[in-house]
């Protein structure tokens, strides 16, 4: 019997509301490179494909009229994006220096690894996990 091989995330799609703020955050601060950018007036958005690494991309959709994200109480669906890091303290210092909202460093009670949440310009939670 066929067994699928689902072992790599190809991309994560994120919706932002402000082109300049989102592009600065994901390209200049996070360091993702632009693969392609498409202005799509028929869909009312701008789609920027970003390279995170050799296997994973971020699809960044800029849509000024998108509804606000439900955060508290949390709604069903994707909860957050988590990024692996090898030096969480330096990453926290860097993000804070860049003016990014960063939460309190804590230890994951299940994995016993350091973790912290920070937020993109639209308050999307992003986790750093060491």
Foldseek 3Di string as FASTA:
>chain_A
DDDDDPDAEQEAEDEAADDVQQCCCVCVQVPWAWPDWADDVVVQWIWTWTHNDPRYIYTYIHHNPDDAQDVVVHDDDDQAAEDEDDDVVVSVVSCVVVVWAKADWDADPPPRWIKIWTAGPSRGTYMYTD
